[in-house]
């Protein structure tokens, strides 16, 4: 899809992921259809967990500390 009469370069537009949104809203979240259609994209993103900040991975030192504190049975470190 491109804008007619526009001086902008032709850029392809990807289709909206309707199947994923419907599956999320109706099957995963089990919202009523009217609630799904009333939701904003921001609300859908929040419900999908896309607005939470990503947690930092543990450092190597943290991992070593955990391994030392909780060794697997039958192994020695």
N, C-alpha and C. Protein backbone atom coordinates (compact mmCIF):
# COMPACT_ATOMS: atom_id res chain seq x y z
N UNK A 1 0.85 -1.17 0.00
CA UNK A 1 0.00 0.00 0.00
C UNK A 1 0.89 1.23 0.00
N UNK A 2 0.58 2.19 -0.83
CA UNK A 2 1.32 3.45 -0.87
C UNK A 2 0.32 4.58 -0.91
N UNK A 3 0.79 5.75 -0.55
CA UNK A 3 -0.05 6.92 -0.60
C UNK A 3 -0.05 7.47 -2.02
N UNK A 4 -1.21 7.69 -2.56
CA UNK A 4 -1.32 8.22 -3.91
C UNK A 4 -1.08 9.73 -3.88
N UNK A 5 -0.28 10.20 -4.83
CA UNK A 5 0.00 11.61 -4.91
C UNK A 5 1.01 12.09 -3.89
N UNK A 6 1.66 11.18 -3.21
CA UNK A 6 2.64 11.54 -2.19
C UNK A 6 4.04 11.56 -2.79
N UNK A 7 4.88 12.42 -2.29
CA UNK A 7 6.28 12.44 -2.71
C UNK A 7 7.13 11.48 -1.88
N UNK A 8 6.52 10.81 -0.91
CA UNK A 8 7.26 9.88 -0.05
C UNK A 8 7.68 8.66 -0.86
N UNK A 9 8.84 8.09 -0.55
CA UNK A 9 9.26 6.88 -1.24
C UNK A 9 8.27 5.75 -0.97
N UNK A 10 8.17 4.85 -1.91
CA UNK A 10 7.24 3.72 -1.77
C UNK A 10 7.78 2.77 -0.71
N UNK A 11 7.02 2.64 0.37
CA UNK A 11 7.41 1.77 1.47
C UNK A 11 6.31 0.74 1.68
N UNK A 12 6.67 -0.55 1.71
CA UNK A 12 5.63 -1.55 1.94
C UNK A 12 5.07 -1.44 3.36
N UNK A 13 3.79 -1.68 3.48
CA UNK A 13 3.12 -1.63 4.78
C UNK A 13 2.73 -3.06 5.12
N UNK A 14 3.13 -3.50 6.31
CA UNK A 14 2.79 -4.87 6.70
C UNK A 14 1.35 -4.91 7.20
N UNK A 15 0.75 -6.05 7.03
CA UNK A 15 -0.63 -6.24 7.44
C UNK A 15 -0.72 -6.30 8.96
N UNK A 16 -1.82 -5.85 9.50
CA UNK A 16 -2.04 -5.91 10.94
C UNK A 16 -2.22 -7.37 11.33
N UNK A 17 -1.63 -7.82 12.43
CA UNK A 17 -1.69 -9.23 12.82
C UNK A 17 -3.02 -9.59 13.50
N UNK A 18 -4.10 -9.57 12.73
CA UNK A 18 -5.42 -9.82 13.28
C UNK A 18 -5.52 -11.18 13.96
N UNK A 19 -4.97 -12.22 13.36
CA UNK A 19 -5.07 -13.55 13.95
C UNK A 19 -4.43 -13.58 15.34
N UNK A 20 -3.27 -12.96 15.47
CA UNK A 20 -2.58 -12.94 16.76
C UNK A 20 -3.36 -12.13 17.79
N UNK A 21 -3.92 -11.00 17.37
CA UNK A 21 -4.68 -10.16 18.29
C UNK A 21 -5.96 -10.87 18.74
N UNK A 22 -6.65 -11.48 17.81
CA UNK A 22 -7.87 -12.20 18.18
C UNK A 22 -7.57 -13.38 19.09
N UNK A 23 -6.50 -14.10 18.81
CA UNK A 23 -6.11 -15.23 19.66
C UNK A 23 -5.76 -14.74 21.06
N UNK A 24 -4.98 -13.67 21.14
CA UNK A 24 -4.62 -13.10 22.43
C UNK A 24 -5.87 -12.69 23.21
N UNK A 25 -6.71 -11.88 22.59
CA UNK A 25 -7.87 -11.33 23.29
C UNK A 25 -8.93 -12.35 23.64
N UNK A 26 -9.27 -13.19 22.68
CA UNK A 26 -10.39 -14.11 22.89
C UNK A 26 -9.98 -15.43 23.53
N UNK A 27 -8.86 -16.01 23.10
CA UNK A 27 -8.47 -17.33 23.61
C UNK A 27 -7.56 -17.25 24.84
N UNK A 28 -6.56 -16.39 24.78
CA UNK A 28 -5.61 -16.32 25.89
C UNK A 28 -6.16 -15.52 27.06
N UNK A 29 -6.60 -14.31 26.79
CA UNK A 29 -7.12 -13.45 27.87
C UNK A 29 -8.58 -13.74 28.19
N UNK A 30 -9.26 -14.40 27.28
CA UNK A 30 -10.67 -14.77 27.43
C UNK A 30 -11.57 -13.56 27.64
N UNK A 31 -11.24 -12.49 26.90
CA UNK A 31 -12.07 -11.30 26.93
C UNK A 31 -13.33 -11.55 26.11
N UNK A 32 -14.39 -10.84 26.43
CA UNK A 32 -15.59 -10.87 25.59
C UNK A 32 -15.28 -10.10 24.31
N UNK A 33 -15.88 -10.48 23.20
CA UNK A 33 -15.60 -9.77 21.95
C UNK A 33 -15.77 -8.26 22.06
N UNK A 34 -16.80 -7.80 22.75
CA UNK A 34 -17.02 -6.35 22.86
C UNK A 34 -15.88 -5.68 23.61
N UNK A 35 -15.29 -6.38 24.59
CA UNK A 35 -14.16 -5.81 25.33
C UNK A 35 -12.91 -5.76 24.46
N UNK A 36 -12.70 -6.80 23.65
CA UNK A 36 -11.56 -6.82 22.75
C UNK A 36 -11.66 -5.68 21.74
N UNK A 37 -12.82 -5.50 21.13
CA UNK A 37 -12.98 -4.45 20.12
C UNK A 37 -12.92 -3.06 20.73
N UNK A 38 -13.22 -2.94 22.03
CA UNK A 38 -13.16 -1.64 22.69
C UNK A 38 -11.75 -1.29 23.17
N UNK A 39 -10.87 -2.28 23.21
CA UNK A 39 -9.51 -2.06 23.72
C UNK A 39 -8.67 -1.27 22.73
N UNK A 40 -7.80 -0.44 23.26
CA UNK A 40 -6.86 0.31 22.42
C UNK A 40 -5.62 -0.56 22.18
N UNK A 41 -4.84 -0.24 21.15
CA UNK A 41 -3.59 -0.99 20.95
C UNK A 41 -2.68 -0.95 22.19
N UNK A 42 -2.64 0.17 22.89
CA UNK A 42 -1.83 0.27 24.11
C UNK A 42 -2.34 -0.70 25.18
N UNK A 43 -3.65 -0.82 25.32
CA UNK A 43 -4.21 -1.75 26.30
C UNK A 43 -3.91 -3.19 25.91
N UNK A 44 -3.99 -3.50 24.63
CA UNK A 44 -3.66 -4.85 24.18
C UNK A 44 -2.19 -5.17 24.44
N UNK A 45 -1.31 -4.21 24.19
CA UNK A 45 0.11 -4.42 24.44
C UNK A 45 0.37 -4.65 25.93
N UNK A 46 -0.30 -3.88 26.78
CA UNK A 46 -0.13 -4.06 28.22
C UNK A 46 -0.65 -5.42 28.66
N UNK A 47 -1.79 -5.83 28.13
CA UNK A 47 -2.36 -7.13 28.50
C UNK A 47 -1.47 -8.28 28.03
N UNK A 48 -0.78 -8.07 26.92
CA UNK A 48 0.13 -9.09 26.40
C UNK A 48 1.47 -9.09 27.12
N UNK A 49 1.67 -8.12 28.01
CA UNK A 49 2.93 -8.05 28.74
C UNK A 49 4.05 -7.40 27.97
N UNK A 50 3.72 -6.66 26.94
CA UNK A 50 4.74 -6.04 26.10
C UNK A 50 5.23 -4.70 26.63
N UNK A 51 4.58 -4.19 27.67
CA UNK A 51 4.97 -2.88 28.18
C UNK A 51 5.86 -2.96 29.41
N UNK A 52 6.05 -4.18 29.93
CA UNK A 52 6.92 -4.34 31.10
C UNK A 52 8.37 -4.20 30.69
N UNK A 53 9.17 -3.53 31.50
CA UNK A 53 10.60 -3.46 31.16
C UNK A 53 11.24 -4.83 31.30
N UNK A 54 12.16 -5.11 30.43
CA UNK A 54 12.87 -6.39 30.47
C UNK A 54 13.80 -6.41 31.68
N UNK A 55 13.85 -7.53 32.35
CA UNK A 55 14.75 -7.67 33.48
C UNK A 55 16.14 -7.98 32.98
N UNK A 56 17.12 -7.46 33.68
CA UNK A 56 18.50 -7.72 33.31
C UNK A 56 18.86 -9.17 33.65
N UNK A 57 19.66 -9.78 32.82
CA UNK A 57 20.12 -11.14 33.08
C UNK A 57 21.09 -11.11 34.25
N UNK A 58 21.14 -12.20 35.03
CA UNK A 58 22.10 -12.22 36.13
C UNK A 58 23.53 -12.19 35.61
N UNK A 59 24.39 -11.56 36.40
CA UNK A 59 25.80 -11.52 36.00
C UNK A 59 26.43 -12.89 36.24
N UNK A 60 27.60 -13.08 35.68
CA UNK A 60 28.31 -14.34 35.87
C UNK A 60 28.60 -14.57 37.36
N UNK A 61 28.95 -13.50 38.08
CA UNK A 61 29.22 -13.60 39.52
C UNK A 61 27.97 -14.03 40.28
N UNK A 62 26.81 -13.45 39.91
CA UNK A 62 25.55 -13.84 40.54
C UNK A 62 25.25 -15.32 40.27
N UNK A 63 25.46 -15.75 39.05
CA UNK A 63 25.22 -17.15 38.69
C UNK A 63 26.15 -18.08 39.47
N UNK A 64 27.41 -17.72 39.57
CA UNK A 64 28.37 -18.55 40.34
C UNK A 64 27.96 -18.62 41.81
N UNK A 65 27.50 -17.49 42.36
CA UNK A 65 27.05 -17.47 43.76
C UNK A 65 25.85 -18.40 43.95
N UNK A 66 24.91 -18.36 43.02
CA UNK A 66 23.74 -19.23 43.10
C UNK A 66 24.13 -20.71 42.98
N UNK A 67 25.03 -21.00 42.06
CA UNK A 67 25.47 -22.39 41.88
C UNK A 67 26.18 -22.91 43.13
N UNK A 68 26.96 -22.05 43.77
CA UNK A 68 27.65 -22.46 44.99
C UNK A 68 26.67 -22.66 46.15
N UNK A 69 25.67 -21.81 46.21
CA UNK A 69 24.69 -21.90 47.30
C UNK A 69 23.71 -23.04 47.11
N UNK A 70 23.46 -23.44 45.87
CA UNK A 70 22.45 -24.48 45.57
C UNK A 70 23.02 -25.47 44.56
N UNK A 71 24.00 -26.28 44.99
CA UNK A 71 24.59 -27.23 44.03
C UNK A 71 23.61 -28.35 43.68
N UNK A 72 23.77 -28.90 42.50
CA UNK A 72 22.98 -30.04 42.10
C UNK A 72 23.42 -31.25 42.92
N UNK A 73 22.46 -32.12 43.31
CA UNK A 73 22.84 -33.31 44.08
C UNK A 73 23.84 -34.16 43.29
N UNK A 74 24.85 -34.66 43.96
CA UNK A 74 25.81 -35.55 43.33
C UNK A 74 26.92 -34.85 42.56
N UNK A 75 26.96 -33.53 42.62
CA UNK A 75 28.03 -32.82 41.94
C UNK A 75 28.84 -32.04 42.95
N UNK A 76 30.07 -31.85 42.65
CA UNK A 76 30.90 -31.04 43.54
C UNK A 76 31.44 -29.87 42.75
N UNK A 77 31.58 -28.76 43.36
CA UNK A 77 32.10 -27.55 42.70
C UNK A 77 33.35 -27.12 43.38
